[in-house]
Each structure stands twice: as structure tokens, then as C-alpha cells.
Amino acid sequence: MSTQWQYDWYVLAVIGLLFVCSLITRSGYWLIGDHLPLPDSVRRALRYAPVAALIAIIVPELLPWRAGGSPEIDIKAIAAIFAVLAYLRTRNTLVVIIAGMVMFWLLKYFFA
């Protein structure tokens, strides 16, 4: 057998297994949720899961840490602050996206 053929099957097997794991974990509660009631304390804690996941994705991107250093504020963080200020002023999600991207592009054009 050729090495390329083995590599292709390995990649396809990994993709397949990841699909099955994702399917099981995402549909597991939907399929057995009525048979496995969650305590109220767990239900209250799960309300914060989407916000925590979003913060875990966004904060490292905005404040990247360097080994042995502290987070650095760059143009992405400044654009994000501008987007938050635009949201506080307008309460409009579309304005947040547009304001943040326009500020990012302007800062990137002038400083990067």
C-alpha cells in the first residue's frame, strides 16, 4: 500500500470519528433528556455556558498572551472596544459589526 493511501484513510477515519463524537455529545441530552432530569443547580449553572464559551473564544483573540509576558493590546482590542461603545450607544447588533470592522480596517490601514 502506498503511504498517501494510508494517510487519506487515516484522515477520513479521524473525520468520521469526530463526527460520531460530535453527534453523540450534541444529541445525547436531546435523546435522553426526559429520562435524566437535571437538578436545578445544574440548570442554573448551564445558563452561563454560552457566555463563558463566547468569552473563552474572544478574549484570547483580543488579548494574546506571549510566553513569559502579559497580554498585549493591539488593533483588534481597540476595534473591539470601539464596537462595544457603538453597541452601548445604539443597542444595534448590525452597528456593532459594522463599527468594529470599519475601525479594525482603518487601524490596520494606518498602523499595520
PDB file of N, CA and C in Angstrom:
ATOM      1  N   MET A   1       0.831  -1.186   0.000  1.00  0.00           N
ATOM      2  CA  MET A   1       0.000   0.000   0.000  1.00  0.00           C
ATOM      3  C   MET A   1       0.875   1.249   0.000  1.00  0.00           C
ATOM      4  N   SER A   2       0.379   2.247  -0.651  1.00  0.00           N
ATOM      5  CA  SER A   2       1.145   3.490  -0.698  1.00  0.00           C
ATOM      6  C   SER A   2       0.896   4.305   0.572  1.00  0.00           C
ATOM      7  N   THR A   3       1.839   5.152   0.880  1.00  0.00           N
ATOM      8  CA  THR A   3       1.746   5.987   2.067  1.00  0.00           C
ATOM      9  C   THR A   3       0.617   7.005   1.941  1.00  0.00           C
ATOM     10  N   GLN A   4       0.415   7.529   0.760  1.00  0.00           N
ATOM     11  CA  GLN A   4      -0.642   8.510   0.544  1.00  0.00           C
ATOM     12  C   GLN A   4      -2.015   7.897   0.799  1.00  0.00           C
ATOM     13  N   TRP A   5      -2.211   6.654   0.360  1.00  0.00           N
ATOM     14  CA  TRP A   5      -3.484   5.977   0.544  1.00  0.00           C
ATOM     15  C   TRP A   5      -3.768   5.788   2.036  1.00  0.00           C
ATOM     16  N   GLN A   6      -2.735   5.398   2.805  1.00  0.00           N
ATOM     17  CA  GLN A   6      -2.891   5.220   4.248  1.00  0.00           C
ATOM     18  C   GLN A   6      -3.212   6.547   4.923  1.00  0.00           C
ATOM     19  N   TYR A   7      -2.554   7.586   4.481  1.00  0.00           N
ATOM     20  CA  TYR A   7      -2.806   8.908   5.043  1.00  0.00           C
ATOM     21  C   TYR A   7      -4.237   9.347   4.766  1.00  0.00           C
ATOM     22  N   ASP A   8      -4.729   9.131   3.552  1.00  0.00           N
ATOM     23  CA  ASP A   8      -6.097   9.512   3.204  1.00  0.00           C
ATOM     24  C   ASP A   8      -7.112   8.781   4.076  1.00  0.00           C
ATOM     25  N   TRP A   9      -6.906   7.472   4.278  1.00  0.00           N
ATOM     26  CA  TRP A   9      -7.834   6.718   5.113  1.00  0.00           C
ATOM     27  C   TRP A   9      -7.758   7.157   6.563  1.00  0.00           C
ATOM     28  N   TYR A  10      -6.562   7.495   7.016  1.00  0.00           N
ATOM     29  CA  TYR A  10      -6.401   7.984   8.387  1.00  0.00           C
ATOM     30  C   TYR A  10      -7.183   9.276   8.586  1.00  0.00           C
ATOM     31  N   VAL A  11      -7.051  10.198   7.655  1.00  0.00           N
ATOM     32  CA  VAL A  11      -7.764  11.474   7.749  1.00  0.00           C
ATOM     33  C   VAL A  11      -9.265  11.251   7.698  1.00  0.00           C
ATOM     34  N   LEU A  12      -9.729  10.402   6.794  1.00  0.00           N
ATOM     35  CA  LEU A  12     -11.163  10.115   6.709  1.00  0.00           C
ATOM     36  C   LEU A  12     -11.677   9.438   7.976  1.00  0.00           C
ATOM     37  N   ALA A  13     -10.889   8.548   8.567  1.00  0.00           N
ATOM     38  CA  ALA A  13     -11.289   7.889   9.808  1.00  0.00           C
ATOM     39  C   ALA A  13     -11.383   8.891  10.954  1.00  0.00           C
ATOM     40  N   VAL A  14     -10.432   9.805  11.042  1.00  0.00           N
ATOM     41  CA  VAL A  14     -10.464  10.830  12.083  1.00  0.00           C
ATOM     42  C   VAL A  14     -11.693  11.722  11.914  1.00  0.00           C
ATOM     43  N   ILE A  15     -11.972  12.137  10.697  1.00  0.00           N
ATOM     44  CA  ILE A  15     -13.150  12.966  10.440  1.00  0.00           C
ATOM     45  C   ILE A  15     -14.416  12.212  10.827  1.00  0.00           C
ATOM     46  N   GLY A  16     -14.498  10.935  10.465  1.00  0.00           N
ATOM     47  CA  GLY A  16     -15.661  10.122  10.807  1.00  0.00           C
ATOM     48  C   GLY A  16     -15.847   9.981  12.311  1.00  0.00           C
ATOM     49  N   LEU A  17     -14.747   9.699  13.024  1.00  0.00           N
ATOM     50  CA  LEU A  17     -14.838   9.561  14.474  1.00  0.00           C
ATOM     51  C   LEU A  17     -15.209  10.875  15.151  1.00  0.00           C
ATOM     52  N   LEU A  18     -14.667  11.982  14.685  1.00  0.00           N
ATOM     53  CA  LEU A  18     -15.037  13.281  15.237  1.00  0.00           C
ATOM     54  C   LEU A  18     -16.512  13.586  14.985  1.00  0.00           C
ATOM     55  N   PHE A  19     -17.009  13.185  13.820  1.00  0.00           N
ATOM     56  CA  PHE A  19     -18.425  13.364  13.513  1.00  0.00           C
ATOM     57  C   PHE A  19     -19.289  12.565  14.479  1.00  0.00           C
ATOM     58  N   VAL A  20     -18.912  11.309  14.712  1.00  0.00           N
ATOM     59  CA  VAL A  20     -19.697  10.462  15.626  1.00  0.00           C
ATOM     60  C   VAL A  20     -19.654  11.018  17.047  1.00  0.00           C
ATOM     61  N   CYS A  21     -18.474  11.443  17.509  1.00  0.00           N
ATOM     62  CA  CYS A  21     -18.366  12.030  18.857  1.00  0.00           C
ATOM     63  C   CYS A  21     -19.199  13.292  18.975  1.00  0.00           C
ATOM     64  N   SER A  22     -19.145  14.125  17.977  1.00  0.00           N
ATOM     65  CA  SER A  22     -19.936  15.363  17.989  1.00  0.00           C
ATOM     66  C   SER A  22     -21.423  15.052  17.974  1.00  0.00           C
ATOM     67  N   LEU A  23     -21.839  14.091  17.176  1.00  0.00           N
ATOM     68  CA  LEU A  23     -23.244  13.709  17.098  1.00  0.00           C
ATOM     69  C   LEU A  23     -23.736  13.173  18.438  1.00  0.00           C
ATOM     70  N   ILE A  24     -22.942  12.327  19.066  1.00  0.00           N
ATOM     71  CA  ILE A  24     -23.346  11.747  20.346  1.00  0.00           C
ATOM     72  C   ILE A  24     -23.438  12.819  21.428  1.00  0.00           C
ATOM     73  N   THR A  25     -22.432  13.670  21.515  1.00  0.00           N
ATOM     74  CA  THR A  25     -22.439  14.677  22.583  1.00  0.00           C
ATOM     75  C   THR A  25     -23.497  15.743  22.365  1.00  0.00           C
ATOM     76  N   ARG A  26     -23.771  16.097  21.132  1.00  0.00           N
ATOM     77  CA  ARG A  26     -24.759  17.137  20.874  1.00  0.00           C
ATOM     78  C   ARG A  26     -26.187  16.627  20.938  1.00  0.00           C
ATOM     79  N   SER A  27     -26.403  15.389  20.563  1.00  0.00           N
ATOM     80  CA  SER A  27     -27.773  14.874  20.566  1.00  0.00           C
ATOM     81  C   SER A  27     -28.071  14.025  21.792  1.00  0.00           C
ATOM     82  N   GLY A  28     -27.074  13.750  22.602  1.00  0.00           N
ATOM     83  CA  GLY A  28     -27.275  12.894  23.765  1.00  0.00           C
ATOM     84  C   GLY A  28     -28.333  13.403  24.718  1.00  0.00           C
ATOM     85  N   TYR A  29     -28.249  14.651  25.096  1.00  0.00           N
ATOM     86  CA  TYR A  29     -29.232  15.194  26.034  1.00  0.00           C
ATOM     87  C   TYR A  29     -30.606  15.300  25.383  1.00  0.00           C
ATOM     88  N   TRP A  30     -30.633  15.583  24.097  1.00  0.00           N
ATOM     89  CA  TRP A  30     -31.915  15.669  23.388  1.00  0.00           C
ATOM     90  C   TRP A  30     -32.605  14.309  23.371  1.00  0.00           C
ATOM     91  N   LEU A  31     -31.826  13.246  23.208  1.00  0.00           N
ATOM     92  CA  LEU A  31     -32.407  11.903  23.136  1.00  0.00           C
ATOM     93  C   LEU A  31     -32.798  11.345  24.505  1.00  0.00           C
ATOM     94  N   ILE A  32     -31.996  11.609  25.551  1.00  0.00           N
ATOM     95  CA  ILE A  32     -32.282  11.043  26.866  1.00  0.00           C
ATOM     96  C   ILE A  32     -32.594  12.108  27.911  1.00  0.00           C
ATOM     97  N   GLY A  33     -32.823  13.319  27.486  1.00  0.00           N
ATOM     98  CA  GLY A  33     -33.042  14.411  28.437  1.00  0.00           C
ATOM     99  C   GLY A  33     -34.237  14.227  29.335  1.00  0.00           C
ATOM    100  N   ASP A  34     -35.317  13.677  28.827  1.00  0.00           N
ATOM    101  CA  ASP A  34     -36.503  13.478  29.648  1.00  0.00           C
ATOM    102  C   ASP A  34     -36.315  12.355  30.662  1.00  0.00           C
ATOM    103  N   HIS A  35     -35.434  11.412  30.360  1.00  0.00           N
ATOM    104  CA  HIS A  35     -35.202  10.279  31.248  1.00  0.00           C
ATOM    105  C   HIS A  35     -34.135  10.578  32.296  1.00  0.00           C
ATOM    106  N   LEU A  36     -33.417  11.666  32.126  1.00  0.00           N
ATOM    107  CA  LEU A  36     -32.333  12.027  33.037  1.00  0.00           C
ATOM    108  C   LEU A  36     -32.503  13.492  33.452  1.00  0.00           C
ATOM    109  N   PRO A  37     -33.382  13.748  34.414  1.00  0.00           N
ATOM    110  CA  PRO A  37     -33.615  15.144  34.802  1.00  0.00           C
ATOM    111  C   PRO A  37     -32.391  15.747  35.505  1.00  0.00           C
ATOM    112  N   LEU A  38     -32.131  17.007  35.206  1.00  0.00           N
ATOM    113  CA  LEU A  38     -31.007  17.711  35.819  1.00  0.00           C
ATOM    114  C   LEU A  38     -31.488  18.456  37.062  1.00  0.00           C
ATOM    115  N   PRO A  39     -30.663  18.492  38.096  1.00  0.00           N
ATOM    116  CA  PRO A  39     -31.029  19.281  39.279  1.00  0.00           C
ATOM    117  C   PRO A  39     -31.097  20.776  38.925  1.00  0.00           C
ATOM    118  N   ASP A  40     -31.839  21.519  39.719  1.00  0.00           N
ATOM    119  CA  ASP A  40     -31.985  22.950  39.459  1.00  0.00           C
ATOM    120  C   ASP A  40     -30.653  23.689  39.505  1.00  0.00           C
ATOM    121  N   SER A  41     -29.743  23.278  40.380  1.00  0.00           N
ATOM    122  CA  SER A  41     -28.438  23.955  40.452  1.00  0.00           C
ATOM    123  C   SER A  41     -27.659  23.785  39.147  1.00  0.00           C
ATOM    124  N   VAL A  42     -27.745  22.616  38.522  1.00  0.00           N
ATOM    125  CA  VAL A  42     -27.060  22.383  37.243  1.00  0.00           C
ATOM    126  C   VAL A  42     -27.728  23.188  36.140  1.00  0.00           C
ATOM    127  N   ARG A  43     -29.049  23.235  36.151  1.00  0.00           N
ATOM    128  CA  ARG A  43     -29.763  24.031  35.148  1.00  0.00           C
ATOM    129  C   ARG A  43     -29.389  25.515  35.249  1.00  0.00           C
ATOM    130  N   ARG A  44     -29.291  26.025  36.471  1.00  0.00           N
ATOM    131  CA  ARG A  44     -28.900  27.434  36.642  1.00  0.00           C
ATOM    132  C   ARG A  44     -27.472  27.659  36.155  1.00  0.00           C
ATOM    133  N   ALA A  45     -26.587  26.722  36.431  1.00  0.00           N
ATOM    134  CA  ALA A  45     -25.188  26.861  36.002  1.00  0.00           C
ATOM    135  C   ALA A  45     -25.073  26.788  34.488  1.00  0.00           C
ATOM    136  N   LEU A  46     -25.886  25.965  33.839  1.00  0.00           N
ATOM    137  CA  LEU A  46     -25.805  25.827  32.386  1.00  0.00           C
ATOM    138  C   LEU A  46     -26.289  27.065  31.644  1.00  0.00           C
ATOM    139  N   ARG A  47     -26.999  27.947  32.314  1.00  0.00           N
ATOM    140  CA  ARG A  47     -27.409  29.195  31.666  1.00  0.00           C
ATOM    141  C   ARG A  47     -26.208  30.060  31.300  1.00  0.00           C
ATOM    142  N   TYR A  48     -25.108  29.907  32.016  1.00  0.00           N
ATOM    143  CA  TYR A  48     -23.922  30.721  31.776  1.00  0.00           C
ATOM    144  C   TYR A  48     -22.950  30.076  30.791  1.00  0.00           C
ATOM    145  N   ALA A  49     -23.208  28.874  30.334  1.00  0.00           N
ATOM    146  CA  ALA A  49     -22.290  28.165  29.443  1.00  0.00           C
ATOM    147  C   ALA A  49     -22.081  28.885  28.110  1.00  0.00           C
ATOM    148  N   PRO A  50     -23.128  29.382  27.418  1.00  0.00           N
ATOM    149  CA  PRO A  50     -22.866  30.073  26.151  1.00  0.00           C
ATOM    150  C   PRO A  50     -22.020  31.331  26.319  1.00  0.00           C
ATOM    151  N   VAL A  51     -22.264  32.092  27.374  1.00  0.00           N
ATOM    152  CA  VAL A  51     -21.480  33.307  27.608  1.00  0.00           C
ATOM    153  C   VAL A  51     -20.034  32.949  27.921  1.00  0.00           C
ATOM    154  N   ALA A  52     -19.831  31.930  28.723  1.00  0.00           N
ATOM    155  CA  ALA A  52     -18.470  31.506  29.068  1.00  0.00           C
ATOM    156  C   ALA A  52     -17.722  31.004  27.842  1.00  0.00           C
ATOM    157  N   ALA A  53     -18.404  30.261  26.981  1.00  0.00           N
ATOM    158  CA  ALA A  53     -17.760  29.771  25.764  1.00  0.00           C
ATOM    159  C   ALA A  53     -17.396  30.921  24.836  1.00  0.00           C
ATOM    160  N   LEU A  54     -18.286  31.880  24.701  1.00  0.00           N
ATOM    161  CA  LEU A  54     -18.009  33.036  23.851  1.00  0.00           C
ATOM    162  C   LEU A  54     -16.827  33.841  24.384  1.00  0.00           C
ATOM    163  N   ILE A  55     -16.771  34.037  25.677  1.00  0.00           N
ATOM    164  CA  ILE A  55     -15.649  34.758  26.280  1.00  0.00           C
ATOM    165  C   ILE A  55     -14.350  33.978  26.091  1.00  0.00           C
ATOM    166  N   ALA A  56     -14.413  32.657  26.221  1.00  0.00           N
ATOM    167  CA  ALA A  56     -13.215  31.835  26.044  1.00  0.00           C
ATOM    168  C   ALA A  56     -12.690  31.883  24.622  1.00  0.00           C
ATOM    169  N   ILE A  57     -13.546  32.159  23.667  1.00  0.00           N
ATOM    170  CA  ILE A  57     -13.112  32.269  22.277  1.00  0.00           C
ATOM    171  C   ILE A  57     -12.598  33.668  21.968  1.00  0.00           C
ATOM    172  N   ILE A  58     -13.285  34.689  22.458  1.00  0.00           N
ATOM    173  CA  ILE A  58     -12.985  36.068  22.073  1.00  0.00           C
ATOM    174  C   ILE A  58     -11.795  36.657  22.827  1.00  0.00           C
ATOM    175  N   VAL A  59     -11.719  36.478  24.133  1.00  0.00           N
ATOM    176  CA  VAL A  59     -10.674  37.138  24.928  1.00  0.00           C
ATOM    177  C   VAL A  59      -9.259  36.738  24.501  1.00  0.00           C
ATOM    178  N   PRO A  60      -8.949  35.451  24.283  1.00  0.00           N
ATOM    179  CA  PRO A  60      -7.578  35.136  23.828  1.00  0.00           C
ATOM    180  C   PRO A  60      -7.246  35.728  22.460  1.00  0.00           C
ATOM    181  N   GLU A  61      -8.252  35.933  21.634  1.00  0.00           N
ATOM    182  CA  GLU A  61      -8.003  36.532  20.322  1.00  0.00           C
ATOM    183  C   GLU A  61      -7.726  38.030  20.455  1.00  0.00           C
ATOM    184  N   LEU A  62      -8.403  38.679  21.376  1.00  0.00           N
ATOM    185  CA  LEU A  62      -8.220  40.122  21.549  1.00  0.00           C
ATOM    186  C   LEU A  62      -7.001  40.470  22.385  1.00  0.00           C
ATOM    187  N   LEU A  63      -6.690  39.646  23.368  1.00  0.00           N
ATOM    188  CA  LEU A  63      -5.548  39.895  24.247  1.00  0.00           C
ATOM    189  C   LEU A  63      -4.601  38.700  24.206  1.00  0.00           C
ATOM    190  N   PRO A  64      -3.834  38.563  23.131  1.00  0.00           N
ATOM    191  CA  PRO A  64      -2.953  37.384  23.034  1.00  0.00           C
ATOM    192  C   PRO A  64      -1.825  37.455  24.062  1.00  0.00           C
ATOM    193  N   TRP A  65      -1.584  36.351  24.746  1.00  0.00           N
ATOM    194  CA  TRP A  65      -0.505  36.255  25.729  1.00  0.00           C
ATOM    195  C   TRP A  65       0.757  35.761  25.045  1.00  0.00           C
ATOM    196  N   ARG A  66       1.857  36.327  25.420  1.00  0.00           N
ATOM    197  CA  ARG A  66       3.166  35.845  24.982  1.00  0.00           C
ATOM    198  C   ARG A  66       3.784  35.069  26.149  1.00  0.00           C
ATOM    199  N   ALA A  67       4.582  34.080  25.838  1.00  0.00           N
ATOM    200  CA  ALA A  67       5.225  33.296  26.885  1.00  0.00           C
ATOM    201  C   ALA A  67       6.095  34.200  27.742  1.00  0.00           C
ATOM    202  N   GLY A  68       5.865  34.168  29.035  1.00  0.00           N
ATOM    203  CA  GLY A  68       6.647  34.963  29.963  1.00  0.00           C
ATOM    204  C   GLY A  68       6.286  36.433  29.981  1.00  0.00           C
ATOM    205  N   GLY A  69       5.180  36.804  29.397  1.00  0.00           N
ATOM    206  CA  GLY A  69       4.785  38.211  29.352  1.00  0.00           C
ATOM    207  C   GLY A  69       3.338  38.396  29.751  1.00  0.00           C
ATOM    208  N   SER A  70       2.847  39.551  29.452  1.00  0.00           N
ATOM    209  CA  SER A  70       1.457  39.873  29.751  1.00  0.00           C
ATOM    210  C   SER A  70       0.698  40.075  28.436  1.00  0.00           C
ATOM    211  N   PRO A  71      -0.623  40.165  28.499  1.00  0.00           N
ATOM    212  CA  PRO A  71      -1.362  40.366  27.250  1.00  0.00           C
ATOM    213  C   PRO A  71      -1.006  41.707  26.607  1.00  0.00           C
ATOM    214  N   GLU A  72      -1.004  41.701  25.299  1.00  0.00           N
ATOM    215  CA  GLU A  72      -0.689  42.922  24.553  1.00  0.00           C
ATOM    216  C   GLU A  72      -1.963  43.463  23.919  1.00  0.00           C
ATOM    217  N   ILE A  73      -2.167  44.739  24.040  1.00  0.00           N
ATOM    218  CA  ILE A  73      -3.325  45.365  23.411  1.00  0.00           C
ATOM    219  C   ILE A  73      -2.901  45.793  22.011  1.00  0.00           C
ATOM    220  N   ASP A  74      -3.621  45.297  21.009  1.00  0.00           N
ATOM    221  CA  ASP A  74      -3.307  45.661  19.638  1.00  0.00           C
ATOM    222  C   ASP A  74      -4.556  46.238  18.979  1.00  0.00           C
ATOM    223  N   ILE A  75      -4.539  46.330  17.660  1.00  0.00           N
ATOM    224  CA  ILE A  75      -5.649  46.994  16.959  1.00  0.00           C
ATOM    225  C   ILE A  75      -6.949  46.220  17.086  1.00  0.00           C
ATOM    226  N   LYS A  76      -6.891  44.904  17.251  1.00  0.00           N
ATOM    227  CA  LYS A  76      -8.125  44.124  17.421  1.00  0.00           C
ATOM    228  C   LYS A  76      -8.830  44.510  18.709  1.00  0.00           C
ATOM    229  N   ALA A  77      -8.064  44.688  19.785  1.00  0.00           N
ATOM    230  CA  ALA A  77      -8.660  45.062  21.064  1.00  0.00           C
ATOM    231  C   ALA A  77      -9.251  46.472  21.003  1.00  0.00           C
ATOM    232  N   ILE A  78      -8.561  47.372  20.342  1.00  0.00           N
ATOM    233  CA  ILE A  78      -9.075  48.743  20.214  1.00  0.00           C
ATOM    234  C   ILE A  78     -10.351  48.755  19.382  1.00  0.00           C
ATOM    235  N   ALA A  79     -10.384  47.990  18.300  1.00  0.00           N
ATOM    236  CA  ALA A  79     -11.593  47.902  17.473  1.00  0.00           C
ATOM    237  C   ALA A  79     -12.739  47.279  18.259  1.00  0.00           C
ATOM    238  N   ALA A  80     -12.447  46.290  19.104  1.00  0.00           N
ATOM    239  CA  ALA A  80     -13.482  45.668  19.928  1.00  0.00           C
ATOM    240  C   ALA A  80     -14.043  46.651  20.944  1.00  0.00           C
ATOM    241  N   ILE A  81     -13.182  47.455  21.540  1.00  0.00           N
ATOM    242  CA  ILE A  81     -13.654  48.485  22.483  1.00  0.00           C
ATOM    243  C   ILE A  81     -14.547  49.481  21.758  1.00  0.00           C
ATOM    244  N   PHE A  82     -14.149  49.879  20.571  1.00  0.00           N
ATOM    245  CA  PHE A  82     -14.973  50.789  19.770  1.00  0.00           C
ATOM    246  C   PHE A  82     -16.326  50.149  19.443  1.00  0.00           C
ATOM    247  N   ALA A  83     -16.337  48.864  19.126  1.00  0.00           N
ATOM    248  CA  ALA A  83     -17.588  48.163  18.820  1.00  0.00           C
ATOM    249  C   ALA A  83     -18.495  48.106  20.043  1.00  0.00           C
ATOM    250  N   VAL A  84     -17.919  47.875  21.216  1.00  0.00           N
ATOM    251  CA  VAL A  84     -18.717  47.862  22.449  1.00  0.00           C
ATOM    252  C   VAL A  84     -19.312  49.240  22.713  1.00  0.00           C
ATOM    253  N   LEU A  85     -18.524  50.274  22.512  1.00  0.00           N
ATOM    254  CA  LEU A  85     -19.050  51.635  22.689  1.00  0.00           C
ATOM    255  C   LEU A  85     -20.170  51.935  21.692  1.00  0.00           C
ATOM    256  N   ALA A  86     -20.022  51.452  20.462  1.00  0.00           N
ATOM    257  CA  ALA A  86     -21.087  51.631  19.472  1.00  0.00           C
ATOM    258  C   ALA A  86     -22.348  50.901  19.907  1.00  0.00           C
ATOM    259  N   TYR A  87     -22.190  49.717  20.513  1.00  0.00           N
ATOM    260  CA  TYR A  87     -23.364  48.986  20.994  1.00  0.00           C
ATOM    261  C   TYR A  87     -24.037  49.724  22.143  1.00  0.00           C
ATOM    262  N   LEU A  88     -23.236  50.219  23.072  1.00  0.00           N
ATOM    263  CA  LEU A  88     -23.817  50.944  24.205  1.00  0.00           C
ATOM    264  C   LEU A  88     -24.574  52.184  23.759  1.00  0.00           C
ATOM    265  N   ARG A  89     -24.134  52.777  22.674  1.00  0.00           N
ATOM    266  CA  ARG A  89     -24.800  53.980  22.148  1.00  0.00           C
ATOM    267  C   ARG A  89     -26.064  53.648  21.361  1.00  0.00           C
ATOM    268  N   THR A  90     -26.028  52.582  20.535  1.00  0.00           N
ATOM    269  CA  THR A  90     -27.137  52.312  19.612  1.00  0.00           C
ATOM    270  C   THR A  90     -27.990  51.102  19.975  1.00  0.00           C
ATOM    271  N   ARG A  91     -27.433  50.123  20.713  1.00  0.00           N
ATOM    272  CA  ARG A  91     -28.115  48.861  21.022  1.00  0.00           C
ATOM    273  C   ARG A  91     -28.522  48.107  19.751  1.00  0.00           C
ATOM    274  N   ASN A  92     -27.704  48.204  18.714  1.00  0.00           N
ATOM    275  CA  ASN A  92     -27.993  47.583  17.438  1.00  0.00           C
ATOM    276  C   ASN A  92     -26.829  46.655  17.070  1.00  0.00           C
ATOM    277  N   THR A  93     -27.124  45.382  16.860  1.00  0.00           N
ATOM    278  CA  THR A  93     -26.080  44.405  16.573  1.00  0.00           C
ATOM    279  C   THR A  93     -25.382  44.683  15.249  1.00  0.00           C
ATOM    280  N   LEU A  94     -26.138  45.086  14.248  1.00  0.00           N
ATOM    281  CA  LEU A  94     -25.541  45.378  12.946  1.00  0.00           C
ATOM    282  C   LEU A  94     -24.561  46.550  13.037  1.00  0.00           C
ATOM    283  N   VAL A  95     -24.898  47.538  13.819  1.00  0.00           N
ATOM    284  CA  VAL A  95     -23.997  48.684  14.024  1.00  0.00           C
ATOM    285  C   VAL A  95     -22.712  48.225  14.709  1.00  0.00           C
ATOM    286  N   VAL A  96     -22.820  47.277  15.643  1.00  0.00           N
ATOM    287  CA  VAL A  96     -21.635  46.754  16.324  1.00  0.00           C
ATOM    288  C   VAL A  96     -20.687  46.108  15.321  1.00  0.00           C
ATOM    289  N   ILE A  97     -21.229  45.269  14.457  1.00  0.00           N
ATOM    290  CA  ILE A  97     -20.399  44.574  13.470  1.00  0.00           C
ATOM    291  C   ILE A  97     -19.745  45.566  12.518  1.00  0.00           C
ATOM    292  N   ILE A  98     -20.529  46.492  12.011  1.00  0.00           N
ATOM    293  CA  ILE A  98     -20.003  47.462  11.049  1.00  0.00           C
ATOM    294  C   ILE A  98     -18.980  48.382  11.706  1.00  0.00           C
ATOM    295  N   ALA A  99     -19.304  48.909  12.886  1.00  0.00           N
ATOM    296  CA  ALA A  99     -18.386  49.828  13.568  1.00  0.00           C
ATOM    297  C   ALA A  99     -17.074  49.138  13.927  1.00  0.00           C
ATOM    298  N   GLY A 100     -17.162  47.920  14.435  1.00  0.00           N
ATOM    299  CA  GLY A 100     -15.949  47.196  14.797  1.00  0.00           C
ATOM    300  C   GLY A 100     -15.071  46.889  13.596  1.00  0.00           C
ATOM    301  N   MET A 101     -15.685  46.450  12.506  1.00  0.00           N
ATOM    302  CA  MET A 101     -14.898  46.114  11.319  1.00  0.00           C
ATOM    303  C   MET A 101     -14.314  47.359  10.659  1.00  0.00           C
ATOM    304  N   VAL A 102     -15.093  48.425  10.583  1.00  0.00           N
ATOM    305  CA  VAL A 102     -14.567  49.656   9.981  1.00  0.00           C
ATOM    306  C   VAL A 102     -13.396  50.186  10.800  1.00  0.00           C
ATOM    307  N   MET A 103     -13.543  50.170  12.131  1.00  0.00           N
ATOM    308  CA  MET A 103     -12.441  50.632  12.980  1.00  0.00           C
ATOM    309  C   MET A 103     -11.219  49.720  12.820  1.00  0.00           C
ATOM    310  N   PHE A 104     -11.435  48.417  12.756  1.00  0.00           N
ATOM    311  CA  PHE A 104     -10.316  47.486  12.569  1.00  0.00           C
ATOM    312  C   PHE A 104      -9.593  47.755  11.255  1.00  0.00           C
ATOM    313  N   TRP A 105     -10.370  47.907  10.180  1.00  0.00           N
ATOM    314  CA  TRP A 105      -9.745  48.156   8.872  1.00  0.00           C
ATOM    315  C   TRP A 105      -8.996  49.483   8.846  1.00  0.00           C
ATOM    316  N   LEU A 106      -9.565  50.518   9.453  1.00  0.00           N
ATOM    317  CA  LEU A 106      -8.882  51.805   9.499  1.00  0.00           C
ATOM    318  C   LEU A 106      -7.585  51.724  10.304  1.00  0.00           C
ATOM    319  N   LEU A 107      -7.655  51.098  11.473  1.00  0.00           N
ATOM    320  CA  LEU A 107      -6.442  50.959  12.282  1.00  0.00           C
ATOM    321  C   LEU A 107      -5.398  50.113  11.570  1.00  0.00           C
ATOM    322  N   LYS A 108      -5.844  49.069  10.911  1.00  0.00           N
ATOM    323  CA  LYS A 108      -4.909  48.219  10.177  1.00  0.00           C
ATOM    324  C   LYS A 108      -4.268  48.986   9.024  1.00  0.00           C
ATOM    325  N   TYR A 109      -5.050  49.801   8.344  1.00  0.00           N
ATOM    326  CA  TYR A 109      -4.519  50.574   7.230  1.00  0.00           C
ATOM    327  C   TYR A 109      -3.483  51.597   7.712  1.00  0.00           C
ATOM    328  N   PHE A 110      -3.774  52.287   8.825  1.00  0.00           N
ATOM    329  CA  PHE A 110      -2.889  53.354   9.275  1.00  0.00           C
ATOM    330  C   PHE A 110      -1.717  52.861  10.131  1.00  0.00           C
ATOM    331  N   PHE A 111      -1.866  51.763  10.867  1.00  0.00           N
ATOM    332  CA  PHE A 111      -0.820  51.381  11.809  1.00  0.00           C
ATOM    333  C   PHE A 111      -0.143  50.045  11.521  1.00  0.00           C
ATOM    334  N   ALA A 112      -0.684  49.243  10.659  1.00  0.00           N
ATOM    335  CA  ALA A 112      -0.065  47.925  10.422  1.00  0.00           C
ATOM    336  C   ALA A 112       0.599  47.845   9.066  1.00  0.00           C
TER     337      ALA A 112
END
